Amino acid sequence: MSILPPVPVGVIVCSVIAVVIGIALLGVGFLLLQEKAAKRSRVQSPNTTVIHPHGIRDPTQTR
């Protein structure tokens, strides 16, 4: 049975803080990517309005 040398408390505390900050940064990055993807997928309304005439009997006249 080997006895490991004691690890200083500061090393453990710094490691835990680094892991928490890393997870937080990954979460923020994920949320920013989701927001960016949502903005891209929005449909923009057109600047022009298409008016479909009523009463045209020949369907080849419509575009």
Protein backbone atom coordinates (compact mmCIF):
# COMPACT_ATOMS: atom_id res chain seq x y z
CA MET A 1 0.00 0.00 0.00
CA SER A 2 1.57 3.24 -1.13
CA ILE A 3 0.98 6.45 0.69
CA LEU A 4 0.51 9.46 -1.57
CA PRO A 5 2.02 12.76 -0.54
CA PRO A 6 -0.54 15.27 0.71
CA VAL A 7 -1.94 17.61 -1.92
CA PRO A 8 -2.05 21.25 -0.88
CA VAL A 9 -5.56 22.62 -0.36
CA GLY A 10 -4.83 25.52 -2.74
CA VAL A 11 -4.29 23.14 -5.66
CA ILE A 12 -7.64 21.46 -5.06
CA VAL A 13 -9.49 24.76 -4.67
CA CYS A 14 -7.93 26.22 -7.83
CA SER A 15 -8.73 23.08 -9.79
CA VAL A 16 -12.38 23.15 -8.72
CA ILE A 17 -12.68 26.85 -9.57
CA ALA A 18 -11.08 26.28 -12.98
CA VAL A 19 -13.51 23.46 -13.77
CA VAL A 20 -16.52 25.58 -12.74
CA ILE A 21 -15.34 28.53 -14.86
CA GLY A 22 -14.69 26.22 -17.81
CA ILE A 23 -18.18 24.74 -17.64
CA ALA A 24 -19.68 28.23 -17.36
CA LEU A 25 -17.77 29.40 -20.45
CA LEU A 26 -18.92 26.37 -22.41
CA GLY A 27 -22.52 27.07 -21.40
CA VAL A 28 -22.31 30.73 -22.44
CA GLY A 29 -20.72 29.75 -25.76
CA PHE A 30 -23.46 27.20 -26.41
CA LEU A 31 -26.19 29.75 -25.67
CA LEU A 32 -24.58 32.32 -27.98
CA LEU A 33 -24.38 29.77 -30.79
CA GLN A 34 -28.04 28.85 -30.30
CA GLU A 35 -29.04 32.52 -30.42
CA LYS A 36 -27.01 33.08 -33.58
CA ALA A 37 -28.59 30.05 -35.25
CA ALA A 38 -32.07 31.25 -34.27
CA LYS A 39 -31.42 34.64 -35.86
CA ARG A 40 -30.35 32.99 -39.11
CA SER A 41 -33.44 30.82 -39.33
CA ARG A 42 -35.94 33.68 -39.01
CA VAL A 43 -37.91 34.42 -42.13
CA GLN A 44 -37.71 38.04 -43.17
CA SER A 45 -40.82 39.64 -44.56
CA PRO A 46 -40.55 40.74 -48.18
CA ASN A 47 -40.46 44.41 -49.13
CA THR A 48 -43.05 43.94 -51.87
CA THR A 49 -46.60 42.68 -51.73
CA VAL A 50 -47.90 40.34 -54.41
CA ILE A 51 -51.50 41.00 -55.41
CA HIS A 52 -53.24 38.07 -57.04
CA PRO A 53 -56.01 39.30 -59.34
CA HIS A 54 -59.41 37.67 -59.10
CA GLY A 55 -61.60 36.82 -62.05
CA ILE A 56 -58.97 35.80 -64.59
CA ARG A 57 -60.40 32.89 -66.53
CA ASP A 58 -57.24 31.85 -68.36
CA PRO A 59 -54.74 30.29 -65.89
CA THR A 60 -51.87 30.91 -68.33
CA GLN A 61 -52.18 34.67 -67.83
CA THR A 62 -51.11 34.47 -64.18
CA ARG A 63 -47.47 34.29 -63.26
